[in-house]
């Protein structure tokens, strides 16, 4: 059960990969525009975003993370719930370099999906931080509402259409990665 205080977390087994530096990665509004809809017989489809494509910023993210080979990725996206907790199915759409960094997701198939979905994204991530116990972490997400005050500085808020390609977002991400990985190793 998740509650609103800093010690809250969902009741599930501990993750296989703990410690280290972690990037919590949303997909919609980060690696492509946020206007993705799950269409019957078509799967995830990007609508209302002419000139854009699904996962268009994955090569940029891979390049940005290149100086930090020890950094691992945890998916913090509703895609994992939609694909019944299958991290492998979701990560297949990412570049090989991003796939190689993947160690888990904030959602676990043993969680109550409705309870998990009802929690704000920041609390979903914070719950995983408590389980995973990283040395340090960042979250890339366009969802900034209801983030816990004690971890707002860990959020790199992306542009809902341009994702990480928006110049000020990319600059903030690079700065925070450098501070996190270079000074705390």
N, C-alpha and C. Protein backbone atom coordinates (compact mmCIF):
# COMPACT_ATOMS: atom_id res chain seq x y z
N UNK A 1 0.85 -1.19 0.00
CA UNK A 1 0.00 0.00 0.00
C UNK A 1 0.88 1.23 0.00
N UNK A 2 0.54 2.19 -0.80
CA UNK A 2 1.30 3.42 -0.90
C UNK A 2 0.57 4.53 -0.17
N UNK A 3 1.27 5.24 0.68
CA UNK A 3 0.69 6.40 1.35
C UNK A 3 1.56 7.60 1.06
N UNK A 4 1.18 8.78 1.57
CA UNK A 4 1.84 10.01 1.19
C UNK A 4 3.11 10.38 1.93
N UNK A 5 3.67 9.55 2.79
CA UNK A 5 4.87 9.96 3.51
C UNK A 5 6.12 9.35 2.88
N UNK A 6 7.30 9.89 3.21
CA UNK A 6 8.54 9.47 2.57
C UNK A 6 8.88 7.99 2.73
N UNK A 7 8.34 7.28 3.67
CA UNK A 7 8.68 5.87 3.85
C UNK A 7 7.74 4.91 3.15
N UNK A 8 6.81 5.41 2.35
CA UNK A 8 5.79 4.56 1.74
C UNK A 8 6.33 3.78 0.56
N UNK A 9 5.81 2.57 0.36
CA UNK A 9 6.11 1.85 -0.88
C UNK A 9 5.09 0.73 -1.07
N UNK A 10 5.03 0.25 -2.31
CA UNK A 10 4.14 -0.85 -2.63
C UNK A 10 4.75 -2.13 -2.08
N UNK A 11 3.90 -3.07 -1.71
CA UNK A 11 4.35 -4.34 -1.14
C UNK A 11 4.64 -5.32 -2.27
N UNK A 12 5.89 -5.44 -2.66
CA UNK A 12 6.31 -6.41 -3.67
C UNK A 12 7.72 -6.87 -3.33
N UNK A 13 8.20 -7.92 -3.98
CA UNK A 13 9.57 -8.37 -3.72
C UNK A 13 10.58 -7.28 -4.09
N UNK A 14 11.75 -7.29 -3.47
CA UNK A 14 12.77 -6.29 -3.82
C UNK A 14 13.25 -6.51 -5.26
N UNK A 15 13.71 -5.45 -5.90
CA UNK A 15 14.20 -5.58 -7.28
C UNK A 15 15.50 -6.39 -7.34
N UNK A 16 15.78 -6.97 -8.49
CA UNK A 16 17.02 -7.73 -8.69
C UNK A 16 18.23 -6.82 -8.68
N UNK A 17 18.07 -5.63 -9.25
CA UNK A 17 19.18 -4.69 -9.38
C UNK A 17 18.96 -3.53 -8.41
N UNK A 18 19.88 -3.37 -7.48
CA UNK A 18 19.79 -2.28 -6.52
C UNK A 18 21.08 -1.47 -6.55
N UNK A 19 21.03 -0.29 -5.92
CA UNK A 19 22.21 0.57 -5.86
C UNK A 19 22.50 1.24 -7.18
N UNK A 20 23.68 1.81 -7.28
CA UNK A 20 24.14 2.45 -8.51
C UNK A 20 23.41 3.75 -8.80
N UNK A 21 23.63 4.26 -9.99
CA UNK A 21 22.97 5.48 -10.47
C UNK A 21 21.84 5.06 -11.41
N UNK A 22 20.67 5.65 -11.22
CA UNK A 22 19.48 5.23 -11.95
C UNK A 22 18.79 6.42 -12.60
N UNK A 23 18.34 6.20 -13.83
CA UNK A 23 17.50 7.16 -14.54
C UNK A 23 16.12 6.54 -14.69
N UNK A 24 15.11 7.17 -14.08
CA UNK A 24 13.73 6.72 -14.25
C UNK A 24 13.21 7.36 -15.52
N UNK A 25 12.78 6.53 -16.47
CA UNK A 25 12.45 6.99 -17.81
C UNK A 25 10.98 6.80 -18.15
N UNK A 26 10.29 7.91 -18.36
CA UNK A 26 8.96 7.88 -18.97
C UNK A 26 9.19 7.86 -20.47
N UNK A 27 8.21 7.49 -21.25
CA UNK A 27 8.35 7.47 -22.70
C UNK A 27 7.57 8.60 -23.36
N UNK A 28 6.27 8.68 -23.09
CA UNK A 28 5.43 9.70 -23.71
C UNK A 28 5.80 11.07 -23.16
N UNK A 29 6.08 12.00 -24.06
CA UNK A 29 6.50 13.33 -23.64
C UNK A 29 7.98 13.41 -23.32
N UNK A 30 8.70 12.32 -23.53
CA UNK A 30 10.14 12.28 -23.28
C UNK A 30 10.87 11.82 -24.54
N UNK A 31 10.57 10.59 -24.99
CA UNK A 31 11.23 10.07 -26.19
C UNK A 31 10.45 10.37 -27.47
N UNK A 32 9.27 10.91 -27.32
CA UNK A 32 8.40 11.32 -28.42
C UNK A 32 7.28 12.16 -27.80
N UNK A 33 6.45 12.83 -28.63
CA UNK A 33 5.35 13.62 -28.06
C UNK A 33 4.42 12.77 -27.19
N UNK A 34 3.74 13.44 -26.25
CA UNK A 34 2.91 12.72 -25.29
C UNK A 34 1.58 12.22 -25.85
N UNK A 35 1.23 12.60 -27.06
CA UNK A 35 -0.08 12.25 -27.62
C UNK A 35 -0.10 10.86 -28.24
N UNK A 36 0.15 9.83 -27.44
CA UNK A 36 0.16 8.44 -27.89
C UNK A 36 -1.13 7.78 -27.41
N UNK A 37 -1.76 7.06 -28.32
CA UNK A 37 -3.01 6.36 -28.00
C UNK A 37 -2.87 4.91 -28.40
N UNK A 38 -3.45 4.04 -27.61
CA UNK A 38 -3.44 2.62 -27.91
C UNK A 38 -4.66 2.31 -28.76
N UNK A 39 -4.44 2.08 -30.04
CA UNK A 39 -5.54 1.83 -30.98
C UNK A 39 -5.69 0.34 -31.23
N UNK A 40 -6.92 -0.11 -31.20
CA UNK A 40 -7.23 -1.52 -31.43
C UNK A 40 -6.65 -1.94 -32.79
N UNK A 41 -5.93 -3.03 -32.81
CA UNK A 41 -5.30 -3.62 -34.00
C UNK A 41 -4.15 -2.78 -34.57
N UNK A 42 -3.82 -1.67 -33.94
CA UNK A 42 -2.70 -0.86 -34.42
C UNK A 42 -1.63 -0.69 -33.36
N UNK A 43 -1.99 -0.93 -32.10
CA UNK A 43 -1.04 -0.73 -31.01
C UNK A 43 -0.83 0.75 -30.74
N UNK A 44 0.27 1.10 -30.09
CA UNK A 44 0.54 2.50 -29.76
C UNK A 44 0.69 3.33 -31.03
N UNK A 45 -0.04 4.44 -31.08
CA UNK A 45 -0.05 5.30 -32.26
C UNK A 45 0.07 6.75 -31.82
N UNK A 46 0.93 7.47 -32.48
CA UNK A 46 1.13 8.88 -32.19
C UNK A 46 0.12 9.69 -32.99
N UNK A 47 -0.73 10.46 -32.29
CA UNK A 47 -1.73 11.28 -32.95
C UNK A 47 -1.48 12.75 -32.63
N UNK A 48 -1.98 13.63 -33.46
CA UNK A 48 -1.92 15.07 -33.21
C UNK A 48 -0.49 15.59 -33.07
N UNK A 49 0.46 14.95 -33.75
CA UNK A 49 1.85 15.40 -33.68
C UNK A 49 2.50 15.24 -35.06
N UNK A 50 2.03 16.02 -36.04
CA UNK A 50 2.60 15.90 -37.39
C UNK A 50 4.10 16.18 -37.38
N UNK A 51 4.82 15.38 -38.16
CA UNK A 51 6.27 15.55 -38.26
C UNK A 51 7.04 14.83 -37.17
N UNK A 52 6.35 14.14 -36.27
CA UNK A 52 7.01 13.42 -35.18
C UNK A 52 6.75 11.92 -35.33
N UNK A 53 7.58 11.11 -34.67
CA UNK A 53 7.40 9.67 -34.71
C UNK A 53 7.69 9.08 -33.33
N UNK A 54 7.15 7.89 -33.11
CA UNK A 54 7.38 7.21 -31.83
C UNK A 54 8.88 6.96 -31.64
N UNK A 55 9.36 7.21 -30.45
CA UNK A 55 10.73 6.94 -30.02
C UNK A 55 11.79 7.73 -30.81
N UNK A 56 11.39 8.85 -31.37
CA UNK A 56 12.30 9.64 -32.20
C UNK A 56 13.50 10.19 -31.43
N UNK A 57 13.39 10.37 -30.12
CA UNK A 57 14.50 10.95 -29.35
C UNK A 57 15.36 9.90 -28.65
N UNK A 58 15.12 8.63 -28.91
CA UNK A 58 15.94 7.59 -28.29
C UNK A 58 17.42 7.70 -28.67
N UNK A 59 17.75 7.95 -29.94
CA UNK A 59 19.19 8.13 -30.26
C UNK A 59 19.81 9.31 -29.50
N UNK A 60 19.07 10.40 -29.33
CA UNK A 60 19.57 11.55 -28.57
C UNK A 60 19.79 11.17 -27.11
N UNK A 61 18.87 10.43 -26.52
CA UNK A 61 19.02 10.01 -25.13
C UNK A 61 20.22 9.07 -25.00
N UNK A 62 20.35 8.14 -25.91
CA UNK A 62 21.48 7.20 -25.87
C UNK A 62 22.80 7.97 -25.93
N UNK A 63 22.88 8.94 -26.82
CA UNK A 63 24.09 9.76 -26.96
C UNK A 63 24.36 10.57 -25.68
N UNK A 64 23.31 11.10 -25.07
CA UNK A 64 23.45 11.89 -23.85
C UNK A 64 23.94 11.05 -22.68
N UNK A 65 23.54 9.80 -22.63
CA UNK A 65 23.93 8.91 -21.54
C UNK A 65 25.29 8.25 -21.77
N UNK A 66 25.82 8.33 -22.97
CA UNK A 66 27.07 7.66 -23.33
C UNK A 66 28.23 7.90 -22.34
N UNK A 67 28.43 9.12 -21.84
CA UNK A 67 29.55 9.34 -20.91
C UNK A 67 29.38 8.64 -19.55
N UNK A 68 28.23 8.02 -19.31
CA UNK A 68 27.93 7.42 -18.01
C UNK A 68 27.59 5.94 -18.18
N UNK A 69 28.58 5.11 -18.47
CA UNK A 69 28.30 3.70 -18.79
C UNK A 69 27.68 2.90 -17.64
N UNK A 70 27.87 3.34 -16.41
CA UNK A 70 27.32 2.61 -15.27
C UNK A 70 25.87 2.98 -14.96
N UNK A 71 25.36 4.03 -15.57
CA UNK A 71 23.99 4.48 -15.33
C UNK A 71 23.00 3.44 -15.85
N UNK A 72 22.01 3.10 -15.05
CA UNK A 72 20.99 2.13 -15.43
C UNK A 72 19.64 2.83 -15.58
N UNK A 73 18.75 2.21 -16.35
CA UNK A 73 17.42 2.78 -16.62
C UNK A 73 16.34 1.91 -15.99
N UNK A 74 15.40 2.59 -15.35
CA UNK A 74 14.19 1.96 -14.83
C UNK A 74 13.02 2.63 -15.53
N UNK A 75 12.17 1.86 -16.17
CA UNK A 75 11.01 2.43 -16.85
C UNK A 75 9.98 2.92 -15.84
N UNK A 76 9.55 4.15 -16.03
CA UNK A 76 8.49 4.73 -15.17
C UNK A 76 7.39 5.23 -16.08
N UNK A 77 6.81 4.32 -16.81
CA UNK A 77 5.83 4.64 -17.85
C UNK A 77 4.63 3.72 -17.77
N UNK A 78 3.49 4.24 -18.18
CA UNK A 78 2.27 3.43 -18.21
C UNK A 78 2.36 2.32 -19.27
N UNK A 79 3.32 2.41 -20.17
CA UNK A 79 3.49 1.35 -21.17
C UNK A 79 3.71 0.00 -20.50
N UNK A 80 4.41 -0.04 -19.41
CA UNK A 80 4.69 -1.32 -18.74
C UNK A 80 3.39 -1.94 -18.24
N UNK A 81 2.49 -1.13 -17.68
CA UNK A 81 1.19 -1.66 -17.24
C UNK A 81 0.39 -2.16 -18.44
N UNK A 82 0.39 -1.39 -19.52
CA UNK A 82 -0.36 -1.79 -20.72
C UNK A 82 0.11 -3.11 -21.28
N UNK A 83 1.42 -3.37 -21.14
CA UNK A 83 1.99 -4.62 -21.64
C UNK A 83 2.18 -5.64 -20.51
N UNK A 84 1.28 -5.58 -19.52
CA UNK A 84 1.19 -6.54 -18.42
C UNK A 84 2.52 -6.75 -17.70
N UNK A 85 3.24 -5.68 -17.47
CA UNK A 85 4.47 -5.77 -16.70
C UNK A 85 5.68 -6.26 -17.49
N UNK A 86 5.56 -6.38 -18.81
CA UNK A 86 6.67 -6.90 -19.61
C UNK A 86 7.65 -5.79 -19.99
N UNK A 87 8.72 -5.72 -19.24
CA UNK A 87 9.77 -4.73 -19.52
C UNK A 87 10.41 -5.04 -20.86
N UNK A 88 10.59 -6.32 -21.15
CA UNK A 88 11.23 -6.72 -22.41
C UNK A 88 10.40 -6.26 -23.61
N UNK A 89 9.09 -6.42 -23.56
CA UNK A 89 8.24 -5.99 -24.68
C UNK A 89 8.33 -4.49 -24.91
N UNK A 90 8.36 -3.73 -23.83
CA UNK A 90 8.42 -2.27 -23.96
C UNK A 90 9.80 -1.84 -24.43
N UNK A 91 10.85 -2.39 -23.84
CA UNK A 91 12.20 -1.94 -24.16
C UNK A 91 12.65 -2.36 -25.57
N UNK A 92 11.99 -3.32 -26.18
CA UNK A 92 12.32 -3.71 -27.57
C UNK A 92 12.23 -2.54 -28.53
N UNK A 93 11.42 -1.54 -28.20
CA UNK A 93 11.22 -0.40 -29.08
C UNK A 93 12.32 0.65 -28.92
N UNK A 94 13.17 0.50 -27.90
CA UNK A 94 14.23 1.46 -27.65
C UNK A 94 15.47 1.08 -28.45
N UNK A 95 16.44 1.98 -28.50
CA UNK A 95 17.70 1.69 -29.19
C UNK A 95 18.45 0.61 -28.41
N UNK A 96 19.34 -0.12 -29.08
CA UNK A 96 20.10 -1.17 -28.38
C UNK A 96 20.88 -0.64 -27.17
N UNK A 97 21.45 0.55 -27.28
CA UNK A 97 22.20 1.11 -26.16
C UNK A 97 21.33 1.38 -24.95
N UNK A 98 20.09 1.83 -25.17
CA UNK A 98 19.17 2.05 -24.06
C UNK A 98 18.68 0.71 -23.50
N UNK A 99 18.42 -0.24 -24.38
CA UNK A 99 17.99 -1.57 -23.92
C UNK A 99 19.02 -2.20 -22.99
N UNK A 100 20.29 -2.02 -23.30
CA UNK A 100 21.36 -2.62 -22.51
C UNK A 100 21.42 -2.05 -21.09
N UNK A 101 20.89 -0.86 -20.89
CA UNK A 101 20.90 -0.21 -19.57
C UNK A 101 19.68 -0.56 -18.72
N UNK A 102 18.70 -1.21 -19.31
CA UNK A 102 17.41 -1.46 -18.66
C UNK A 102 17.54 -2.48 -17.53
N UNK A 103 17.09 -2.09 -16.32
CA UNK A 103 17.16 -3.02 -15.18
C UNK A 103 15.81 -3.25 -14.50
N UNK A 104 14.76 -2.56 -14.95
CA UNK A 104 13.48 -2.78 -14.30
C UNK A 104 12.47 -1.71 -14.61
N UNK A 105 11.41 -1.71 -13.82
CA UNK A 105 10.32 -0.75 -14.00
C UNK A 105 9.74 -0.42 -12.63
N UNK A 106 9.10 0.73 -12.54
CA UNK A 106 8.45 1.10 -11.29
C UNK A 106 7.22 0.23 -11.04
N UNK A 107 6.60 -0.26 -12.11
CA UNK A 107 5.45 -1.14 -11.97
C UNK A 107 5.92 -2.59 -11.99
N UNK A 108 5.37 -3.38 -11.11
CA UNK A 108 5.67 -4.81 -11.04
C UNK A 108 4.35 -5.56 -11.20
N UNK A 109 4.37 -6.67 -11.92
CA UNK A 109 3.14 -7.42 -12.20
C UNK A 109 2.43 -7.92 -10.94
N UNK A 110 3.12 -7.95 -9.80
CA UNK A 110 2.47 -8.37 -8.55
C UNK A 110 1.76 -7.22 -7.85
N UNK A 111 1.86 -6.03 -8.40
CA UNK A 111 1.17 -4.87 -7.81
C UNK A 111 -0.28 -4.85 -8.25
N UNK A 112 -1.10 -4.21 -7.47
CA UNK A 112 -2.48 -3.96 -7.85
C UNK A 112 -2.45 -2.85 -8.91
N UNK A 113 -2.84 -3.14 -10.15
CA UNK A 113 -2.71 -2.14 -11.21
C UNK A 113 -3.52 -0.87 -10.95
N UNK A 114 -4.71 -1.01 -10.37
CA UNK A 114 -5.54 0.17 -10.11
C UNK A 114 -4.91 1.03 -9.01
N UNK A 115 -4.41 0.40 -7.97
CA UNK A 115 -3.76 1.14 -6.88
C UNK A 115 -2.52 1.86 -7.40
N UNK A 116 -1.73 1.17 -8.22
CA UNK A 116 -0.53 1.78 -8.78
C UNK A 116 -0.89 2.97 -9.67
N UNK A 117 -1.87 2.79 -10.55
CA UNK A 117 -2.27 3.85 -11.48
C UNK A 117 -2.84 5.06 -10.73
N UNK A 118 -3.42 4.86 -9.57
CA UNK A 118 -4.01 5.95 -8.80
C UNK A 118 -2.94 6.82 -8.11
N UNK A 119 -1.74 6.28 -7.95
CA UNK A 119 -0.67 7.04 -7.30
C UNK A 119 -0.06 8.02 -8.29
N UNK A 120 0.28 9.24 -7.85
CA UNK A 120 0.97 10.18 -8.73
C UNK A 120 2.32 9.60 -9.18
N UNK A 121 2.77 9.99 -10.36
CA UNK A 121 4.02 9.45 -10.91
C UNK A 121 5.18 9.62 -9.95
N UNK A 122 5.29 10.77 -9.33
CA UNK A 122 6.38 11.00 -8.40
C UNK A 122 6.39 10.01 -7.25
N UNK A 123 5.22 9.62 -6.76
CA UNK A 123 5.15 8.64 -5.68
C UNK A 123 5.45 7.23 -6.19
N UNK A 124 5.07 6.94 -7.43
CA UNK A 124 5.44 5.65 -8.01
C UNK A 124 6.96 5.51 -8.06
N UNK A 125 7.61 6.58 -8.50
CA UNK A 125 9.06 6.58 -8.60
C UNK A 125 9.69 6.53 -7.21
N UNK A 126 9.19 7.36 -6.28
CA UNK A 126 9.76 7.38 -4.93
C UNK A 126 9.66 6.00 -4.28
N UNK A 127 8.55 5.31 -4.49
CA UNK A 127 8.39 3.97 -3.95
C UNK A 127 9.47 3.04 -4.49
N UNK A 128 9.77 3.17 -5.79
CA UNK A 128 10.82 2.34 -6.39
C UNK A 128 12.20 2.73 -5.85
N UNK A 129 12.42 4.02 -5.63
CA UNK A 129 13.68 4.47 -5.05
C UNK A 129 13.90 3.80 -3.69
N UNK A 130 12.86 3.73 -2.89
CA UNK A 130 12.97 3.10 -1.58
C UNK A 130 13.31 1.61 -1.69
N UNK A 131 12.77 0.94 -2.69
CA UNK A 131 13.06 -0.48 -2.89
C UNK A 131 14.44 -0.69 -3.52
N UNK A 132 14.77 0.12 -4.52
CA UNK A 132 15.97 -0.07 -5.33
C UNK A 132 17.23 0.49 -4.64
N UNK A 133 17.06 1.48 -3.79
CA UNK A 133 18.16 2.09 -3.02
C UNK A 133 19.34 2.53 -3.89
N UNK A 134 19.08 3.36 -4.91
CA UNK A 134 20.21 3.81 -5.74
C UNK A 134 21.11 4.77 -4.96
N UNK A 135 22.36 4.85 -5.40
CA UNK A 135 23.29 5.82 -4.85
C UNK A 135 22.74 7.22 -5.12
N UNK A 136 22.23 7.40 -6.34
CA UNK A 136 21.58 8.65 -6.72
C UNK A 136 20.70 8.36 -7.93
N UNK A 137 19.79 9.27 -8.23
CA UNK A 137 18.84 9.03 -9.31
C UNK A 137 18.30 10.33 -9.87
N UNK A 138 17.78 10.22 -11.10
CA UNK A 138 17.04 11.30 -11.77
C UNK A 138 15.82 10.68 -12.42
N UNK A 139 14.82 11.51 -12.69
CA UNK A 139 13.63 11.07 -13.41
C UNK A 139 13.43 11.99 -14.61
N UNK A 140 13.19 11.41 -15.77
CA UNK A 140 12.85 12.15 -16.99
C UNK A 140 11.37 11.96 -17.23
N UNK A 141 10.59 13.03 -17.13
CA UNK A 141 9.14 12.89 -17.22
C UNK A 141 8.49 14.22 -17.55
N UNK A 142 7.41 14.19 -18.31
CA UNK A 142 6.64 15.42 -18.54
C UNK A 142 5.54 15.58 -17.49
N UNK A 143 5.32 14.55 -16.68
CA UNK A 143 4.32 14.60 -15.61
C UNK A 143 4.99 15.16 -14.36
N UNK A 144 4.62 16.36 -14.00
CA UNK A 144 5.25 17.02 -12.85
C UNK A 144 4.26 17.26 -11.71
N UNK A 145 3.00 16.94 -11.92
CA UNK A 145 1.98 17.20 -10.91
C UNK A 145 2.11 16.26 -9.71
N UNK A 146 1.92 16.80 -8.53
CA UNK A 146 1.87 16.03 -7.29
C UNK A 146 3.16 15.28 -6.97
N UNK A 147 4.29 15.80 -7.44
CA UNK A 147 5.57 15.20 -7.07
C UNK A 147 5.84 15.51 -5.61
N UNK A 148 6.35 14.56 -4.86
CA UNK A 148 6.69 14.83 -3.46
C UNK A 148 7.73 15.95 -3.36
N UNK A 149 7.56 16.83 -2.41
CA UNK A 149 8.46 17.98 -2.25
C UNK A 149 9.91 17.52 -2.06
N UNK A 150 10.10 16.39 -1.38
CA UNK A 150 11.46 15.96 -1.05
C UNK A 150 12.24 15.41 -2.24
N UNK A 151 11.61 15.28 -3.40
CA UNK A 151 12.38 14.77 -4.54
C UNK A 151 12.12 15.53 -5.84
N UNK A 152 11.55 16.72 -5.75
CA UNK A 152 11.31 17.51 -6.97
C UNK A 152 12.61 17.88 -7.68
N UNK A 153 13.70 18.02 -6.94
CA UNK A 153 14.98 18.38 -7.55
C UNK A 153 15.55 17.24 -8.40
N UNK A 154 14.99 16.04 -8.27
CA UNK A 154 15.44 14.89 -9.06
C UNK A 154 14.70 14.78 -10.39
N UNK A 155 13.69 15.59 -10.59
CA UNK A 155 12.89 15.55 -11.81
C UNK A 155 13.46 16.49 -12.87
N UNK A 156 13.67 15.95 -14.07
CA UNK A 156 13.94 16.77 -15.24
C UNK A 156 12.63 16.77 -16.03
N UNK A 157 11.93 17.88 -15.94
CA UNK A 157 10.62 17.99 -16.58
C UNK A 157 10.80 18.26 -18.07
N UNK A 158 10.24 17.38 -18.88
CA UNK A 158 10.39 17.48 -20.33
C UNK A 158 9.21 18.22 -20.96
N UNK A 159 9.42 18.64 -22.18
CA UNK A 159 8.39 19.30 -22.96
C UNK A 159 7.44 18.23 -23.51
N UNK A 160 6.11 18.40 -23.36
CA UNK A 160 5.17 17.35 -23.79
C UNK A 160 5.23 17.00 -25.28
N UNK A 161 5.69 17.92 -26.11
CA UNK A 161 5.80 17.64 -27.55
C UNK A 161 7.24 17.37 -27.95
N UNK A 162 8.16 18.21 -27.52
CA UNK A 162 9.56 18.09 -27.94
C UNK A 162 10.37 17.12 -27.08
N UNK A 163 9.82 16.72 -25.94
CA UNK A 163 10.52 15.77 -25.08
C UNK A 163 11.88 16.28 -24.66
N UNK A 164 12.89 15.39 -24.71
CA UNK A 164 14.23 15.79 -24.30
C UNK A 164 14.94 16.63 -25.35
N UNK A 165 14.36 16.74 -26.55
CA UNK A 165 15.03 17.52 -27.60
C UNK A 165 14.89 19.03 -27.39
N UNK A 166 14.01 19.47 -26.51
CA UNK A 166 13.87 20.89 -26.22
C UNK A 166 15.19 21.34 -25.59
N UNK A 167 15.85 22.37 -26.15
CA UNK A 167 17.21 22.73 -25.72
C UNK A 167 17.41 22.95 -24.23
N UNK A 168 16.49 23.62 -23.55
CA UNK A 168 16.69 23.85 -22.11
C UNK A 168 16.53 22.57 -21.31
N UNK A 169 15.68 21.67 -21.76
CA UNK A 169 15.50 20.37 -21.10
C UNK A 169 16.77 19.54 -21.26
N UNK A 170 17.29 19.49 -22.47
CA UNK A 170 18.50 18.72 -22.73
C UNK A 170 19.67 19.27 -21.92
N UNK A 171 19.77 20.59 -21.83
CA UNK A 171 20.85 21.21 -21.05
C UNK A 171 20.71 20.85 -19.56
N UNK A 172 19.48 20.90 -19.04
CA UNK A 172 19.26 20.54 -17.64
C UNK A 172 19.61 19.08 -17.39
N UNK A 173 19.20 18.20 -18.30
CA UNK A 173 19.51 16.78 -18.17
C UNK A 173 21.02 16.57 -18.13
N UNK A 174 21.75 17.18 -19.06
CA UNK A 174 23.20 17.01 -19.11
C UNK A 174 23.86 17.51 -17.83
N UNK A 175 23.42 18.66 -17.33
CA UNK A 175 23.98 19.22 -16.10
C UNK A 175 23.73 18.30 -14.91
N UNK A 176 22.49 17.83 -14.78
CA UNK A 176 22.15 16.97 -13.63
C UNK A 176 22.84 15.61 -13.71
N UNK A 177 22.99 15.08 -14.92
CA UNK A 177 23.72 13.81 -15.08
C UNK A 177 25.18 13.98 -14.66
N UNK A 178 25.79 15.07 -15.11
CA UNK A 178 27.19 15.31 -14.77
C UNK A 178 27.37 15.45 -13.26
N UNK A 179 26.51 16.21 -12.63
CA UNK A 179 26.58 16.38 -11.17
C UNK A 179 26.36 15.06 -10.45
N UNK A 180 25.37 14.29 -10.90
CA UNK A 180 25.04 13.05 -10.23
C UNK A 180 26.14 11.99 -10.40
N UNK A 181 26.61 11.81 -11.60
CA UNK A 181 27.53 10.71 -11.88
C UNK A 181 28.99 11.04 -11.63
N UNK A 182 29.40 12.28 -11.83
CA UNK A 182 30.80 12.62 -11.68
C UNK A 182 31.21 12.98 -10.27
N UNK A 183 30.32 13.54 -9.48
CA UNK A 183 30.73 13.97 -8.15
C UNK A 183 30.37 12.98 -7.06
N UNK A 184 29.62 11.95 -7.40
CA UNK A 184 29.18 11.01 -6.35
C UNK A 184 29.63 9.59 -6.65
N UNK A 185 30.66 9.41 -7.42
CA UNK A 185 31.11 8.06 -7.74
C UNK A 185 32.12 7.57 -6.75
